[in-house]
Structure formats: C-alpha cells, structure tokens
C-alpha cells in the first residue's frame, strides 16, 4: 500500500483538486483506492466526488462512489486493508495530520502564484519533525503567467536544496475546473475541458501518474468513459449513414 498526502499550511491552494484527481487516475489504472478527506471545515473532497450530495460526512464512515471509496477522518485512525493507494486531502494546518505524515510515501504541496519558498519549506519542516521520509513534490497551481518568478525561484531552490522536487509544468486557472466541481466529475469529464495532449485534463493526469509511480511512455491522456461513449455514438451514427446510402 502507498500513502500519498496533499497538504500545506495555506487554504485555497488546490489541495482537494490534486488529491481527488490523483485518486481518480489510480482508479482508472485499475487500483483499489481510498480517498481520505481530512479537512471537513474547508475540504471539498467528499462534496466534489459526491456531486455535493454528502455535505456533512460522518467521521469514519466509508462512502462509495463507483470504484472510489471516500472517508472523512482527522485522527488518522482508519482501516486501510486491501487498498493499493490511500490518498489524503489534508488540512491547511499540515501539523494537525502529523500522524498521516509519519507514514506517508509521497507528500504533494500545491501552491498558487502568490506563495513561494517559505510556504514549501513550512511543509518540509513539518515532515522532518514528524520523522517522515516521504518524497516531497511542490507543484504550482493557478499561475497567472508562464514567466512566474515565484515558479522559477522554487525550481532553482529545489535543485540547490535537494529536499523537495519541483514539478516543472505548472497549472493555470481554467474554467473547466469549476464545472467539474459543480458536476462532481474529474476535469476530463467536465464542460470546456480540452481533450488530447493539451489543457488541464492532460496535465493533471500526467502529474498524477508521476506521483503514483506509473510509467507514461506514450504520454497519452487516459481514455475515459465519456470519451468511449462519444466514440461509440459517432461510430453508430457513421454506420447508420453508410447503411442509408446502401
């Protein structure tokens, strides 16, 4: 079993977005996954996955949405037997979930364009205090410009200090994310999302595969149920037209 935590010490940085999409990608890869919502006050994990049907989750209760199990807990005491991956959507106060951090294999630290090295190092310090030996990945989210000085600074600092990795492709604000949250679906099934090898739908799957430890030799986006249905409809329509011509 592999434990992945998405956390930092600031709110509104996209923790739920990254945690849920890492979990969804693992499910698409055929793995059994438990998504832990450790931020009941602010976290959107259960709300997003359930399409806002579960707004006040019961602590410790496992909710199932298709092939994904989701549970809310803050104390760190949950049953993880039988799962390939445990993905934790952490609180803005990373030290509160130190019990999770102790056993983490990977810690993902998303930060928006306003924050920098200090915010990343806060998480590094917490992991060190918790005696954790996790792989730490910093990723820039909601970047306004491709020339972001903060992003470039984080990248250079990661090479110098060597205590965390910096994901070289940063995420920009995109409308499809809001539609995905509203509809309770991943971004690749949301309105206005780009398909193929561009856009946030491709970028988040590329990032998630790296975090999960999956190889992505072809660099292709994972086909989704929505895309399969659309393809089937097109093929059916094409066959109907050819039959009419005959």
C-alpha atoms as a PDB file:
ATOM      1  CA  UNK A   1       0.000   0.000   0.000  1.00  0.00           C
ATOM      2  CA  UNK A   2       1.184   3.504  -0.863  1.00  0.00           C
ATOM      3  CA  UNK A   3       0.133   6.600   1.113  1.00  0.00           C
ATOM      4  CA  UNK A   4       0.025   9.979  -0.634  1.00  0.00           C
ATOM      5  CA  UNK A   5      -0.785  13.217   1.217  1.00  0.00           C
ATOM      6  CA  UNK A   6      -1.718  16.520  -0.409  1.00  0.00           C
ATOM      7  CA  UNK A   7      -1.200  19.326   2.090  1.00  0.00           C
ATOM      8  CA  UNK A   8       0.337  22.669   3.000  1.00  0.00           C
ATOM      9  CA  UNK A   9      -0.211  25.391   5.598  1.00  0.00           C
ATOM     10  CA  UNK A  10      -2.428  27.621   3.467  1.00  0.00           C
ATOM     11  CA  UNK A  11      -6.045  27.339   2.388  1.00  0.00           C
ATOM     12  CA  UNK A  12      -7.364  27.661  -1.151  1.00  0.00           C
ATOM     13  CA  UNK A  13      -4.290  26.257  -2.887  1.00  0.00           C
ATOM     14  CA  UNK A  14      -5.995  23.407  -4.739  1.00  0.00           C
ATOM     15  CA  UNK A  15      -5.345  20.542  -2.306  1.00  0.00           C
ATOM     16  CA  UNK A  16      -8.709  18.896  -2.951  1.00  0.00           C
ATOM     17  CA  UNK A  17      -8.287  19.267  -6.716  1.00  0.00           C
ATOM     18  CA  UNK A  18      -4.957  17.429  -6.713  1.00  0.00           C
ATOM     19  CA  UNK A  19      -5.944  14.790  -4.130  1.00  0.00           C
ATOM     20  CA  UNK A  20      -9.116  13.812  -5.951  1.00  0.00           C
ATOM     21  CA  UNK A  21      -7.568  13.673  -9.388  1.00  0.00           C
ATOM     22  CA  UNK A  22      -4.645  11.578  -8.165  1.00  0.00           C
ATOM     23  CA  UNK A  23      -7.235   9.195  -6.689  1.00  0.00           C
ATOM     24  CA  UNK A  24      -9.304   9.138  -9.900  1.00  0.00           C
ATOM     25  CA  UNK A  25      -6.240   8.381 -12.036  1.00  0.00           C
ATOM     26  CA  UNK A  26      -5.306   5.482  -9.738  1.00  0.00           C
ATOM     27  CA  UNK A  27      -8.854   4.121 -10.130  1.00  0.00           C
ATOM     28  CA  UNK A  28      -8.615   4.419 -13.924  1.00  0.00           C
ATOM     29  CA  UNK A  29      -5.413   2.399 -13.700  1.00  0.00           C
ATOM     30  CA  UNK A  30      -7.391  -0.401 -12.053  1.00  0.00           C
ATOM     31  CA  UNK A  31      -6.214   0.167  -8.469  1.00  0.00           C
ATOM     32  CA  UNK A  32      -8.287  -0.001  -5.294  1.00  0.00           C
ATOM     33  CA  UNK A  33      -8.225   3.466  -3.763  1.00  0.00           C
ATOM     34  CA  UNK A  34      -9.309   5.113  -0.501  1.00  0.00           C
ATOM     35  CA  UNK A  35      -9.600   8.907  -0.608  1.00  0.00           C
ATOM     36  CA  UNK A  36      -9.392  10.461   2.862  1.00  0.00           C
ATOM     37  CA  UNK A  37     -10.982  13.875   3.464  1.00  0.00           C
ATOM     38  CA  UNK A  38      -9.010  15.256   6.422  1.00  0.00           C
ATOM     39  CA  UNK A  39     -10.365  18.795   6.078  1.00  0.00           C
ATOM     40  CA  UNK A  40     -14.056  18.763   6.949  1.00  0.00           C
ATOM     41  CA  UNK A  41     -14.181  22.517   7.630  1.00  0.00           C
ATOM     42  CA  UNK A  42     -12.884  23.609   4.254  1.00  0.00           C
ATOM     43  CA  UNK A  43     -12.224  20.448   2.246  1.00  0.00           C
ATOM     44  CA  UNK A  44     -14.295  19.717  -0.804  1.00  0.00           C
ATOM     45  CA  UNK A  45     -13.209  16.127  -1.400  1.00  0.00           C
ATOM     46  CA  UNK A  46     -16.406  14.326  -0.381  1.00  0.00           C
ATOM     47  CA  UNK A  47     -18.616  17.137  -1.678  1.00  0.00           C
ATOM     48  CA  UNK A  48     -16.909  17.169  -5.063  1.00  0.00           C
ATOM     49  CA  UNK A  49     -16.811  13.401  -5.525  1.00  0.00           C
ATOM     50  CA  UNK A  50     -20.446  13.036  -4.417  1.00  0.00           C
ATOM     51  CA  UNK A  51     -21.659  15.939  -6.541  1.00  0.00           C
ATOM     52  CA  UNK A  52     -22.491  17.819  -3.298  1.00  0.00           C
ATOM     53  CA  UNK A  53     -24.858  15.080  -2.124  1.00  0.00           C
ATOM     54  CA  UNK A  54     -22.819  14.500   1.056  1.00  0.00           C
ATOM     55  CA  UNK A  55     -22.252  17.877   2.725  1.00  0.00           C
ATOM     56  CA  UNK A  56     -21.838  16.757   6.354  1.00  0.00           C
ATOM     57  CA  UNK A  57     -19.882  13.476   6.307  1.00  0.00           C
ATOM     58  CA  UNK A  58     -19.923  11.137   9.274  1.00  0.00           C
ATOM     59  CA  UNK A  59     -16.424  10.610  10.675  1.00  0.00           C
ATOM     60  CA  UNK A  60     -15.081   7.154   9.909  1.00  0.00           C
ATOM     61  CA  UNK A  61     -17.890   6.178   7.554  1.00  0.00           C
ATOM     62  CA  UNK A  62     -16.707   4.942   4.155  1.00  0.00           C
ATOM     63  CA  UNK A  63     -18.751   6.329   1.253  1.00  0.00           C
ATOM     64  CA  UNK A  64     -18.513   4.529  -2.076  1.00  0.00           C
ATOM     65  CA  UNK A  65     -18.796   6.358  -5.391  1.00  0.00           C
ATOM     66  CA  UNK A  66     -18.358   3.886  -8.195  1.00  0.00           C
ATOM     67  CA  UNK A  67     -14.878   2.412  -7.836  1.00  0.00           C
ATOM     68  CA  UNK A  68     -13.677   5.040  -5.357  1.00  0.00           C
ATOM     69  CA  UNK A  69     -14.065   4.839  -1.558  1.00  0.00           C
ATOM     70  CA  UNK A  70     -14.055   8.110   0.411  1.00  0.00           C
ATOM     71  CA  UNK A  71     -13.881   8.623   4.174  1.00  0.00           C
ATOM     72  CA  UNK A  72     -13.685  11.650   6.486  1.00  0.00           C
ATOM     73  CA  UNK A  73     -11.328  11.491   9.453  1.00  0.00           C
ATOM     74  CA  UNK A  74      -8.926  13.783  11.258  1.00  0.00           C
ATOM     75  CA  UNK A  75      -7.355  11.458  13.809  1.00  0.00           C
ATOM     76  CA  UNK A  76      -5.518   9.227  11.365  1.00  0.00           C
ATOM     77  CA  UNK A  77      -7.189   6.019  12.562  1.00  0.00           C
ATOM     78  CA  UNK A  78      -8.770   4.360   9.546  1.00  0.00           C
ATOM     79  CA  UNK A  79      -8.845   0.854   8.101  1.00  0.00           C
ATOM     80  CA  UNK A  80      -6.657   0.668   5.018  1.00  0.00           C
ATOM     81  CA  UNK A  81      -6.506  -3.098   4.498  1.00  0.00           C
ATOM     82  CA  UNK A  82      -6.941  -4.154   0.892  1.00  0.00           C
ATOM     83  CA  UNK A  83      -6.230  -0.778  -0.678  1.00  0.00           C
ATOM     84  CA  UNK A  84      -3.445  -0.180  -3.180  1.00  0.00           C
ATOM     85  CA  UNK A  85      -3.397   3.562  -2.521  1.00  0.00           C
ATOM     86  CA  UNK A  86      -4.545   5.843   0.291  1.00  0.00           C
ATOM     87  CA  UNK A  87      -4.817   9.448  -0.935  1.00  0.00           C
ATOM     88  CA  UNK A  88      -5.247  12.103   1.772  1.00  0.00           C
ATOM     89  CA  UNK A  89      -6.707  15.559   1.184  1.00  0.00           C
ATOM     90  CA  UNK A  90      -5.061  17.387   4.088  1.00  0.00           C
ATOM     91  CA  UNK A  91      -5.946  20.417   6.180  1.00  0.00           C
ATOM     92  CA  UNK A  92      -4.319  23.850   5.738  1.00  0.00           C
ATOM     93  CA  UNK A  93      -2.641  23.139   9.100  1.00  0.00           C
ATOM     94  CA  UNK A  94      -0.328  20.347   7.985  1.00  0.00           C
ATOM     95  CA  UNK A  95       0.926  19.693  11.525  1.00  0.00           C
ATOM     96  CA  UNK A  96      -2.609  18.597  12.540  1.00  0.00           C
ATOM     97  CA  UNK A  97      -2.277  15.486  10.371  1.00  0.00           C
ATOM     98  CA  UNK A  98       1.240  14.629  11.514  1.00  0.00           C
ATOM     99  CA  UNK A  99       0.143  11.037  12.173  1.00  0.00           C
ATOM    100  CA  UNK A 100      -0.583  10.635   8.484  1.00  0.00           C
ATOM    101  CA  UNK A 101       2.668  12.356   7.507  1.00  0.00           C
ATOM    102  CA  UNK A 102       4.723   9.896   9.577  1.00  0.00           C
ATOM    103  CA  UNK A 103       3.658   7.057   7.306  1.00  0.00           C
ATOM    104  CA  UNK A 104       3.485   8.948   4.017  1.00  0.00           C
ATOM    105  CA  UNK A 105       5.336   7.744   0.948  1.00  0.00           C
ATOM    106  CA  UNK A 106       4.688  10.941  -1.013  1.00  0.00           C
ATOM    107  CA  UNK A 107       3.690  14.454   0.080  1.00  0.00           C
ATOM    108  CA  UNK A 108       2.326  16.787  -2.611  1.00  0.00           C
ATOM    109  CA  UNK A 109       2.486  20.521  -1.834  1.00  0.00           C
ATOM    110  CA  UNK A 110       0.384  22.654  -4.213  1.00  0.00           C
ATOM    111  CA  UNK A 111       0.854  26.435  -4.038  1.00  0.00           C
ATOM    112  CA  UNK A 112      -0.614  29.247  -6.072  1.00  0.00           C
ATOM    113  CA  UNK A 113       1.333  32.056  -7.709  1.00  0.00           C
ATOM    114  CA  UNK A 114       1.309  34.260  -4.592  1.00  0.00           C
ATOM    115  CA  UNK A 115       3.372  31.912  -2.450  1.00  0.00           C
ATOM    116  CA  UNK A 116       6.981  30.840  -2.614  1.00  0.00           C
ATOM    117  CA  UNK A 117       9.870  29.050  -0.980  1.00  0.00           C
ATOM    118  CA  UNK A 118       8.799  29.810   2.599  1.00  0.00           C
ATOM    119  CA  UNK A 119       5.464  28.041   2.117  1.00  0.00           C
ATOM    120  CA  UNK A 120       7.162  24.935   0.728  1.00  0.00           C
ATOM    121  CA  UNK A 121       9.757  24.876   3.484  1.00  0.00           C
ATOM    122  CA  UNK A 122       6.987  25.034   6.123  1.00  0.00           C
ATOM    123  CA  UNK A 123       5.804  21.639   4.921  1.00  0.00           C
ATOM    124  CA  UNK A 124       9.364  20.294   4.717  1.00  0.00           C
ATOM    125  CA  UNK A 125       9.916  21.287   8.375  1.00  0.00           C
ATOM    126  CA  UNK A 126       6.689  19.586   9.460  1.00  0.00           C
ATOM    127  CA  UNK A 127       7.688  16.381   7.664  1.00  0.00           C
ATOM    128  CA  UNK A 128      11.125  16.451   9.304  1.00  0.00           C
ATOM    129  CA  UNK A 129       9.564  16.957  12.755  1.00  0.00           C
ATOM    130  CA  UNK A 130       7.231  14.043  12.132  1.00  0.00           C
ATOM    131  CA  UNK A 131      10.272  11.907  11.312  1.00  0.00           C
ATOM    132  CA  UNK A 132       8.872  11.326   7.868  1.00  0.00           C
ATOM    133  CA  UNK A 133      10.992  10.252   4.917  1.00  0.00           C
ATOM    134  CA  UNK A 134       8.486  10.992   2.230  1.00  0.00           C
ATOM    135  CA  UNK A 135       9.154  12.117  -1.306  1.00  0.00           C
ATOM    136  CA  UNK A 136       8.082  15.786  -1.403  1.00  0.00           C
ATOM    137  CA  UNK A 137       6.733  17.303  -4.623  1.00  0.00           C
ATOM    138  CA  UNK A 138       5.939  21.020  -4.906  1.00  0.00           C
ATOM    139  CA  UNK A 139       3.586  21.995  -7.728  1.00  0.00           C
ATOM    140  CA  UNK A 140       2.489  25.483  -8.783  1.00  0.00           C
ATOM    141  CA  UNK A 141      -1.270  25.972  -9.214  1.00  0.00           C
ATOM    142  CA  UNK A 142      -3.317  28.887 -10.615  1.00  0.00           C
ATOM    143  CA  UNK A 143      -0.222  30.515 -12.094  1.00  0.00           C
ATOM    144  CA  UNK A 144      -1.111  33.727 -13.914  1.00  0.00           C
ATOM    145  CA  UNK A 145       1.934  33.825 -16.173  1.00  0.00           C
ATOM    146  CA  UNK A 146       4.282  31.307 -17.758  1.00  0.00           C
ATOM    147  CA  UNK A 147       7.074  33.689 -16.700  1.00  0.00           C
ATOM    148  CA  UNK A 148       6.212  33.437 -12.986  1.00  0.00           C
ATOM    149  CA  UNK A 149       9.258  34.492 -10.927  1.00  0.00           C
ATOM    150  CA  UNK A 150       7.957  32.513  -7.937  1.00  0.00           C
ATOM    151  CA  UNK A 151       7.764  29.318 -10.006  1.00  0.00           C
ATOM    152  CA  UNK A 152      11.277  29.818 -11.365  1.00  0.00           C
ATOM    153  CA  UNK A 153      12.585  30.548  -7.854  1.00  0.00           C
ATOM    154  CA  UNK A 154      11.011  27.372  -6.487  1.00  0.00           C
ATOM    155  CA  UNK A 155      12.505  25.344  -9.306  1.00  0.00           C
ATOM    156  CA  UNK A 156      16.022  26.680  -8.692  1.00  0.00           C
ATOM    157  CA  UNK A 157      15.740  26.263  -4.908  1.00  0.00           C
ATOM    158  CA  UNK A 158      14.610  22.647  -5.284  1.00  0.00           C
ATOM    159  CA  UNK A 159      17.781  21.872  -7.228  1.00  0.00           C
ATOM    160  CA  UNK A 160      20.028  23.641  -4.713  1.00  0.00           C
ATOM    161  CA  UNK A 161      18.485  22.269  -1.502  1.00  0.00           C
ATOM    162  CA  UNK A 162      17.507  18.839  -2.759  1.00  0.00           C
ATOM    163  CA  UNK A 163      14.873  18.363  -0.021  1.00  0.00           C
ATOM    164  CA  UNK A 164      11.909  18.524  -2.404  1.00  0.00           C
ATOM    165  CA  UNK A 165      11.114  18.121  -6.079  1.00  0.00           C
ATOM    166  CA  UNK A 166       9.507  20.805  -8.207  1.00  0.00           C
ATOM    167  CA  UNK A 167       7.029  19.750 -10.883  1.00  0.00           C
ATOM    168  CA  UNK A 168       8.279  21.609 -13.984  1.00  0.00           C
ATOM    169  CA  UNK A 169       4.863  22.062 -15.622  1.00  0.00           C
ATOM    170  CA  UNK A 170       2.655  24.385 -13.605  1.00  0.00           C
ATOM    171  CA  UNK A 171      -1.127  24.674 -13.679  1.00  0.00           C
ATOM    172  CA  UNK A 172      -3.114  27.695 -14.779  1.00  0.00           C
ATOM    173  CA  UNK A 173      -6.662  28.656 -13.781  1.00  0.00           C
ATOM    174  CA  UNK A 174      -9.151  27.081 -16.190  1.00  0.00           C
ATOM    175  CA  UNK A 175     -12.937  27.268 -16.406  1.00  0.00           C
ATOM    176  CA  UNK A 176     -13.436  23.502 -16.721  1.00  0.00           C
ATOM    177  CA  UNK A 177     -12.280  23.034 -13.099  1.00  0.00           C
ATOM    178  CA  UNK A 178     -15.324  24.938 -11.807  1.00  0.00           C
ATOM    179  CA  UNK A 179     -17.655  22.875 -13.989  1.00  0.00           C
ATOM    180  CA  UNK A 180     -16.004  19.667 -12.801  1.00  0.00           C
ATOM    181  CA  UNK A 181     -16.557  20.599  -9.155  1.00  0.00           C
ATOM    182  CA  UNK A 182     -20.161  21.581  -9.820  1.00  0.00           C
ATOM    183  CA  UNK A 183     -20.960  18.315 -11.602  1.00  0.00           C
ATOM    184  CA  UNK A 184     -18.943  16.058  -9.289  1.00  0.00           C
ATOM    185  CA  UNK A 185     -16.682  14.738 -12.054  1.00  0.00           C
ATOM    186  CA  UNK A 186     -12.971  14.834 -12.928  1.00  0.00           C
ATOM    187  CA  UNK A 187     -11.883  17.667 -15.227  1.00  0.00           C
ATOM    188  CA  UNK A 188     -11.605  15.383 -18.240  1.00  0.00           C
ATOM    189  CA  UNK A 189     -15.352  14.729 -17.985  1.00  0.00           C
ATOM    190  CA  UNK A 190     -16.236  18.391 -17.404  1.00  0.00           C
ATOM    191  CA  UNK A 191     -17.569  21.003 -19.796  1.00  0.00           C
ATOM    192  CA  UNK A 192     -14.997  23.040 -21.715  1.00  0.00           C
ATOM    193  CA  UNK A 193     -12.128  20.654 -20.976  1.00  0.00           C
ATOM    194  CA  UNK A 194      -9.645  20.044 -23.779  1.00  0.00           C
ATOM    195  CA  UNK A 195      -9.000  16.511 -24.882  1.00  0.00           C
ATOM    196  CA  UNK A 196      -5.763  15.132 -26.314  1.00  0.00           C
ATOM    197  CA  UNK A 197      -2.328  16.299 -25.179  1.00  0.00           C
ATOM    198  CA  UNK A 198      -3.119  19.837 -24.011  1.00  0.00           C
ATOM    199  CA  UNK A 199      -5.090  21.504 -21.235  1.00  0.00           C
ATOM    200  CA  UNK A 200      -5.554  20.802 -17.543  1.00  0.00           C
ATOM    201  CA  UNK A 201      -7.187  17.403 -18.222  1.00  0.00           C
ATOM    202  CA  UNK A 202      -3.959  16.146 -19.765  1.00  0.00           C
ATOM    203  CA  UNK A 203      -1.644  17.930 -17.323  1.00  0.00           C
ATOM    204  CA  UNK A 204      -3.299  16.584 -14.164  1.00  0.00           C
ATOM    205  CA  UNK A 205      -3.207  13.006 -15.462  1.00  0.00           C
ATOM    206  CA  UNK A 206       0.456  13.369 -16.376  1.00  0.00           C
ATOM    207  CA  UNK A 207       1.194  14.730 -12.890  1.00  0.00           C
ATOM    208  CA  UNK A 208      -0.895  12.080 -11.112  1.00  0.00           C
ATOM    209  CA  UNK A 209       0.841   9.240 -12.941  1.00  0.00           C
ATOM    210  CA  UNK A 210       4.203  10.567 -11.795  1.00  0.00           C
ATOM    211  CA  UNK A 211       3.048  10.882  -8.175  1.00  0.00           C
ATOM    212  CA  UNK A 212       1.543   7.387  -8.216  1.00  0.00           C
ATOM    213  CA  UNK A 213       4.670   5.893  -9.756  1.00  0.00           C
ATOM    214  CA  UNK A 214       3.061   4.831 -13.032  1.00  0.00           C
ATOM    215  CA  UNK A 215       5.028   4.948 -16.252  1.00  0.00           C
ATOM    216  CA  UNK A 216       3.613   7.087 -19.023  1.00  0.00           C
ATOM    217  CA  UNK A 217       5.736   6.097 -22.014  1.00  0.00           C
ATOM    218  CA  UNK A 218       3.185   7.106 -24.629  1.00  0.00           C
ATOM    219  CA  UNK A 219       2.388  10.445 -22.967  1.00  0.00           C
ATOM    220  CA  UNK A 220      -1.261   9.991 -23.866  1.00  0.00           C
ATOM    221  CA  UNK A 221      -4.280  11.020 -21.842  1.00  0.00           C
ATOM    222  CA  UNK A 222      -6.191   8.133 -20.263  1.00  0.00           C
ATOM    223  CA  UNK A 223      -9.389   7.373 -22.221  1.00  0.00           C
ATOM    224  CA  UNK A 224     -12.453   7.998 -20.062  1.00  0.00           C
ATOM    225  CA  UNK A 225     -15.931   6.540 -20.028  1.00  0.00           C
ATOM    226  CA  UNK A 226     -17.265   9.762 -21.507  1.00  0.00           C
ATOM    227  CA  UNK A 227     -14.861   9.602 -24.454  1.00  0.00           C
ATOM    228  CA  UNK A 228     -15.662   5.926 -25.041  1.00  0.00           C
ATOM    229  CA  UNK A 229     -19.395   6.707 -25.129  1.00  0.00           C
ATOM    230  CA  UNK A 230     -18.873   9.582 -27.567  1.00  0.00           C
ATOM    231  CA  UNK A 231     -16.760   7.363 -29.821  1.00  0.00           C
ATOM    232  CA  UNK A 232     -19.426   4.652 -29.784  1.00  0.00           C
ATOM    233  CA  UNK A 233     -22.139   7.192 -30.688  1.00  0.00           C
ATOM    234  CA  UNK A 234     -20.061   8.528 -33.587  1.00  0.00           C
ATOM    235  CA  UNK A 235     -19.348   5.036 -34.900  1.00  0.00           C
ATOM    236  CA  UNK A 236     -23.028   4.136 -34.627  1.00  0.00           C
ATOM    237  CA  UNK A 237     -24.043   7.303 -36.484  1.00  0.00           C
ATOM    238  CA  UNK A 238     -21.424   6.644 -39.166  1.00  0.00           C
ATOM    239  CA  UNK A 239     -22.672   3.082 -39.619  1.00  0.00           C
ATOM    240  CA  UNK A 240     -26.252   4.323 -39.897  1.00  0.00           C
ATOM    241  CA  UNK A 241     -25.329   6.800 -42.652  1.00  0.00           C
ATOM    242  CA  UNK A 242     -23.454   4.144 -44.604  1.00  0.00           C
ATOM    243  CA  UNK A 243     -26.431   1.815 -44.290  1.00  0.00           C
ATOM    244  CA  UNK A 244     -28.777   4.554 -45.580  1.00  0.00           C
ATOM    245  CA  UNK A 245     -26.531   5.108 -48.607  1.00  0.00           C
ATOM    246  CA  UNK A 246     -26.820   1.435 -49.481  1.00  0.00           C
END
